[in-house]
Amino acid sequence: GLQGKDFSKSEDARSAEAAIEDMEKATTAAVASSEGLEELAQASAPTLDGAEGASKQYYPAMYFVDKEFKDVPSTCGGKASEKPLIGTLDVCARACDNDIHECVGFSFFPVARTRSRQVQGQGGRGGMIHTFLQLAEDSAQ
């Protein structure tokens, strides 16, 4: 390192200047990366106007298969209409509403609650959202 160097000597001063130049380049790259990450974070966890209560218009898939199992957790698969998102059930519903020509349904996987951390968002508990262009299967858990 440069600690303890005599910067009145040209060799040590050149080394310091080279280190400063490297740090400036690294800082520029870090700022650009953080801006890209911020854009990605905003895109993956949108704040959508009018999301509160949006999920009330949707029914679980099992409602249409066998109403006796409508409250049993289920999963579905199919062709995605968008990249996965992070948000609440209401944000999930609003994301599907906003993708009106593509989204036919969605899966919402709430984040497990822990003592140390709870993920919250618009209208409650957050989780992973997958919106679908086409549903292929559904299975009760």
C-alpha atoms as a PDB file:
ATOM      1  CA  GLY A   1       0.000   0.000   0.000  1.00  0.00           C
ATOM      2  CA  LEU A   2       0.771   3.649   0.101  1.00  0.00           C
ATOM      3  CA  GLN A   3       0.689   4.098   3.858  1.00  0.00           C
ATOM      4  CA  GLY A   4       3.915   5.590   5.161  1.00  0.00           C
ATOM      5  CA  LYS A   5       5.194   6.541   1.680  1.00  0.00           C
ATOM      6  CA  ASP A   6       7.026   9.795   1.024  1.00  0.00           C
ATOM      7  CA  PHE A   7       4.915  11.576  -1.601  1.00  0.00           C
ATOM      8  CA  SER A   8       7.653  14.160  -2.170  1.00  0.00           C
ATOM      9  CA  LYS A   9       9.424  11.355  -4.066  1.00  0.00           C
ATOM     10  CA  SER A  10       8.202  11.159  -7.649  1.00  0.00           C
ATOM     11  CA  GLU A  11       7.898   7.337  -7.661  1.00  0.00           C
ATOM     12  CA  ASP A  12       5.643   7.345  -4.582  1.00  0.00           C
ATOM     13  CA  ALA A  13       3.636  10.292  -5.943  1.00  0.00           C
ATOM     14  CA  ARG A  14       3.072   8.448  -9.267  1.00  0.00           C
ATOM     15  CA  SER A  15       1.928   5.359  -7.354  1.00  0.00           C
ATOM     16  CA  ALA A  16      -0.534   7.490  -5.365  1.00  0.00           C
ATOM     17  CA  GLU A  17      -1.839   9.179  -8.514  1.00  0.00           C
ATOM     18  CA  ALA A  18      -2.319   5.784 -10.194  1.00  0.00           C
ATOM     19  CA  ALA A  19      -4.203   4.537  -7.122  1.00  0.00           C
ATOM     20  CA  ILE A  20      -6.440   7.630  -7.161  1.00  0.00           C
ATOM     21  CA  GLU A  21      -7.170   7.117 -10.873  1.00  0.00           C
ATOM     22  CA  ASP A  22      -8.065   3.455 -10.236  1.00  0.00           C
ATOM     23  CA  MET A  23     -10.379   4.483  -7.375  1.00  0.00           C
ATOM     24  CA  GLU A  24     -12.102   7.089  -9.571  1.00  0.00           C
ATOM     25  CA  LYS A  25     -12.716   4.481 -12.288  1.00  0.00           C
ATOM     26  CA  ALA A  26     -14.004   1.992  -9.715  1.00  0.00           C
ATOM     27  CA  THR A  27     -16.281   4.643  -8.199  1.00  0.00           C
ATOM     28  CA  THR A  28     -17.731   5.529 -11.612  1.00  0.00           C
ATOM     29  CA  ALA A  29     -18.399   1.832 -12.318  1.00  0.00           C
ATOM     30  CA  ALA A  30     -19.959   1.343  -8.860  1.00  0.00           C
ATOM     31  CA  VAL A  31     -22.299   4.322  -9.316  1.00  0.00           C
ATOM     32  CA  ALA A  32     -23.411   3.014 -12.726  1.00  0.00           C
ATOM     33  CA  SER A  33     -24.019  -0.459 -11.260  1.00  0.00           C
ATOM     34  CA  SER A  34     -25.999   0.893  -8.320  1.00  0.00           C
ATOM     35  CA  GLU A  35     -28.196   2.953 -10.662  1.00  0.00           C
ATOM     36  CA  GLY A  36     -28.901  -0.168 -12.718  1.00  0.00           C
ATOM     37  CA  LEU A  37     -29.711  -2.137  -9.574  1.00  0.00           C
ATOM     38  CA  GLU A  38     -32.036   0.607  -8.358  1.00  0.00           C
ATOM     39  CA  GLU A  39     -33.943   0.492 -11.673  1.00  0.00           C
ATOM     40  CA  LEU A  40     -34.174  -3.300 -11.426  1.00  0.00           C
ATOM     41  CA  ALA A  41     -35.362  -3.109  -7.812  1.00  0.00           C
ATOM     42  CA  GLN A  42     -38.065  -0.588  -8.725  1.00  0.00           C
ATOM     43  CA  ALA A  43     -39.214  -2.707 -11.666  1.00  0.00           C
ATOM     44  CA  SER A  44     -39.350  -5.904  -9.599  1.00  0.00           C
ATOM     45  CA  ALA A  45     -41.250  -4.364  -6.677  1.00  0.00           C
ATOM     46  CA  PRO A  46     -43.659  -1.853  -8.188  1.00  0.00           C
ATOM     47  CA  THR A  47     -45.861   0.548  -6.264  1.00  0.00           C
ATOM     48  CA  LEU A  48     -49.128   0.446  -8.167  1.00  0.00           C
ATOM     49  CA  ASP A  49     -51.880   3.034  -7.735  1.00  0.00           C
ATOM     50  CA  GLY A  50     -55.255   1.608  -6.842  1.00  0.00           C
ATOM     51  CA  ALA A  51     -53.855  -1.713  -5.654  1.00  0.00           C
ATOM     52  CA  GLU A  52     -55.679  -1.730  -2.321  1.00  0.00           C
ATOM     53  CA  GLY A  53     -58.472  -4.304  -2.466  1.00  0.00           C
ATOM     54  CA  ALA A  54     -57.665  -5.331  -6.055  1.00  0.00           C
ATOM     55  CA  SER A  55     -57.355  -9.011  -5.080  1.00  0.00           C
ATOM     56  CA  LYS A  56     -61.025  -9.170  -4.004  1.00  0.00           C
ATOM     57  CA  GLN A  57     -62.106  -9.608  -7.634  1.00  0.00           C
ATOM     58  CA  TYR A  58     -60.027 -12.784  -8.039  1.00  0.00           C
ATOM     59  CA  TYR A  59     -60.830 -16.324  -6.940  1.00  0.00           C
ATOM     60  CA  PRO A  60     -58.404 -19.143  -6.131  1.00  0.00           C
ATOM     61  CA  ALA A  61     -57.974 -21.563  -9.055  1.00  0.00           C
ATOM     62  CA  MET A  62     -59.427 -24.418  -7.003  1.00  0.00           C
ATOM     63  CA  TYR A  63     -62.705 -22.468  -6.789  1.00  0.00           C
ATOM     64  CA  PHE A  64     -63.241 -23.397 -10.444  1.00  0.00           C
ATOM     65  CA  VAL A  65     -61.969 -26.979 -10.055  1.00  0.00           C
ATOM     66  CA  ASP A  66     -63.599 -28.122  -6.815  1.00  0.00           C
ATOM     67  CA  LYS A  67     -65.126 -25.549  -4.456  1.00  0.00           C
ATOM     68  CA  GLU A  68     -64.553 -27.917  -1.510  1.00  0.00           C
ATOM     69  CA  PHE A  69     -60.816 -27.230  -1.911  1.00  0.00           C
ATOM     70  CA  LYS A  70     -61.003 -23.501  -2.711  1.00  0.00           C
ATOM     71  CA  ASP A  71     -59.230 -22.553   0.536  1.00  0.00           C
ATOM     72  CA  VAL A  72     -56.495 -25.179   0.182  1.00  0.00           C
ATOM     73  CA  PRO A  73     -53.193 -23.721  -1.063  1.00  0.00           C
ATOM     74  CA  SER A  74     -52.505 -24.628  -4.673  1.00  0.00           C
ATOM     75  CA  THR A  75     -49.927 -23.970  -7.343  1.00  0.00           C
ATOM     76  CA  CYS A  76     -50.340 -23.483 -11.044  1.00  0.00           C
ATOM     77  CA  GLY A  77     -48.038 -23.320 -13.994  1.00  0.00           C
ATOM     78  CA  GLY A  78     -48.115 -21.958 -17.477  1.00  0.00           C
ATOM     79  CA  LYS A  79     -46.598 -19.401 -19.777  1.00  0.00           C
ATOM     80  CA  ALA A  80     -45.493 -16.254 -17.917  1.00  0.00           C
ATOM     81  CA  SER A  81     -46.880 -12.925 -19.084  1.00  0.00           C
ATOM     82  CA  GLU A  82     -44.209 -10.876 -17.278  1.00  0.00           C
ATOM     83  CA  LYS A  83     -41.063 -11.343 -15.206  1.00  0.00           C
ATOM     84  CA  PRO A  84     -41.664 -12.281 -11.548  1.00  0.00           C
ATOM     85  CA  LEU A  85     -42.406  -9.396  -9.190  1.00  0.00           C
ATOM     86  CA  ILE A  86     -42.355  -8.784  -5.461  1.00  0.00           C
ATOM     87  CA  GLY A  87     -45.351  -7.254  -3.709  1.00  0.00           C
ATOM     88  CA  THR A  88     -48.548  -7.975  -1.846  1.00  0.00           C
ATOM     89  CA  LEU A  89     -51.546  -9.986  -3.025  1.00  0.00           C
ATOM     90  CA  ASP A  90     -53.267  -6.707  -3.971  1.00  0.00           C
ATOM     91  CA  VAL A  91     -50.208  -5.543  -5.953  1.00  0.00           C
ATOM     92  CA  CYS A  92     -50.219  -8.944  -7.661  1.00  0.00           C
ATOM     93  CA  ALA A  93     -53.862  -8.515  -8.648  1.00  0.00           C
ATOM     94  CA  ARG A  94     -53.304  -4.941  -9.870  1.00  0.00           C
ATOM     95  CA  ALA A  95     -50.262  -6.064 -11.916  1.00  0.00           C
ATOM     96  CA  CYS A  96     -52.494  -8.627 -13.631  1.00  0.00           C
ATOM     97  CA  ASP A  97     -55.226  -5.992 -14.156  1.00  0.00           C
ATOM     98  CA  ASN A  98     -52.685  -3.628 -15.701  1.00  0.00           C
ATOM     99  CA  ASP A  99     -51.543  -6.381 -18.095  1.00  0.00           C
ATOM    100  CA  ILE A 100     -55.130  -6.802 -19.313  1.00  0.00           C
ATOM    101  CA  HIS A 101     -54.347  -8.224 -22.753  1.00  0.00           C
ATOM    102  CA  GLU A 102     -51.770 -10.720 -21.508  1.00  0.00           C
ATOM    103  CA  CYS A 103     -52.468 -11.786 -17.896  1.00  0.00           C
ATOM    104  CA  VAL A 104     -55.109 -14.476 -17.353  1.00  0.00           C
ATOM    105  CA  GLY A 105     -54.144 -15.311 -13.775  1.00  0.00           C
ATOM    106  CA  PHE A 106     -51.372 -15.228 -11.230  1.00  0.00           C
ATOM    107  CA  SER A 107     -49.632 -17.113  -8.448  1.00  0.00           C
ATOM    108  CA  PHE A 108     -48.773 -15.394  -5.191  1.00  0.00           C
ATOM    109  CA  PHE A 109     -46.303 -16.915  -2.757  1.00  0.00           C
ATOM    110  CA  PRO A 110     -46.266 -14.977   0.539  1.00  0.00           C
ATOM    111  CA  VAL A 111     -42.965 -14.592   2.351  1.00  0.00           C
ATOM    112  CA  ALA A 112     -42.840 -16.602   5.551  1.00  0.00           C
ATOM    113  CA  ARG A 113     -43.202 -14.463   8.670  1.00  0.00           C
ATOM    114  CA  THR A 114     -40.297 -14.510  11.049  1.00  0.00           C
ATOM    115  CA  ARG A 115     -39.638 -12.841  14.368  1.00  0.00           C
ATOM    116  CA  SER A 116     -36.757 -10.823  12.971  1.00  0.00           C
ATOM    117  CA  ARG A 117     -38.327  -9.597   9.751  1.00  0.00           C
ATOM    118  CA  GLN A 118     -41.697  -9.259   8.108  1.00  0.00           C
ATOM    119  CA  VAL A 119     -41.966  -8.170   4.506  1.00  0.00           C
ATOM    120  CA  GLN A 120     -44.762  -5.651   4.168  1.00  0.00           C
ATOM    121  CA  GLY A 121     -46.004  -3.653   1.261  1.00  0.00           C
ATOM    122  CA  GLN A 122     -49.098  -1.984  -0.088  1.00  0.00           C
ATOM    123  CA  GLY A 123     -52.025  -3.593   1.644  1.00  0.00           C
ATOM    124  CA  GLY A 124     -50.225  -6.181   3.754  1.00  0.00           C
ATOM    125  CA  ARG A 125     -47.831  -9.090   3.597  1.00  0.00           C
ATOM    126  CA  GLY A 126     -45.460  -9.297   0.649  1.00  0.00           C
ATOM    127  CA  GLY A 127     -44.367 -12.192  -1.490  1.00  0.00           C
ATOM    128  CA  MET A 128     -43.339 -13.421  -4.928  1.00  0.00           C
ATOM    129  CA  ILE A 129     -45.708 -12.816  -7.839  1.00  0.00           C
ATOM    130  CA  HIS A 130     -45.917 -14.730 -11.125  1.00  0.00           C
ATOM    131  CA  THR A 131     -48.407 -13.540 -13.741  1.00  0.00           C
ATOM    132  CA  PHE A 132     -49.506 -15.916 -16.489  1.00  0.00           C
ATOM    133  CA  LEU A 133     -50.389 -15.524 -20.140  1.00  0.00           C
ATOM    134  CA  GLN A 134     -51.731 -19.064 -20.160  1.00  0.00           C
ATOM    135  CA  LEU A 135     -52.477 -21.502 -17.328  1.00  0.00           C
ATOM    136  CA  ALA A 136     -51.459 -25.116 -17.879  1.00  0.00           C
ATOM    137  CA  GLU A 137     -52.127 -26.945 -14.613  1.00  0.00           C
ATOM    138  CA  ASP A 138     -53.252 -26.563 -11.039  1.00  0.00           C
ATOM    139  CA  SER A 139     -52.642 -28.791  -8.067  1.00  0.00           C
ATOM    140  CA  ALA A 140     -53.912 -28.546  -4.514  1.00  0.00           C
ATOM    141  CA  GLN A 141     -51.268 -28.873  -1.831  1.00  0.00           C
END
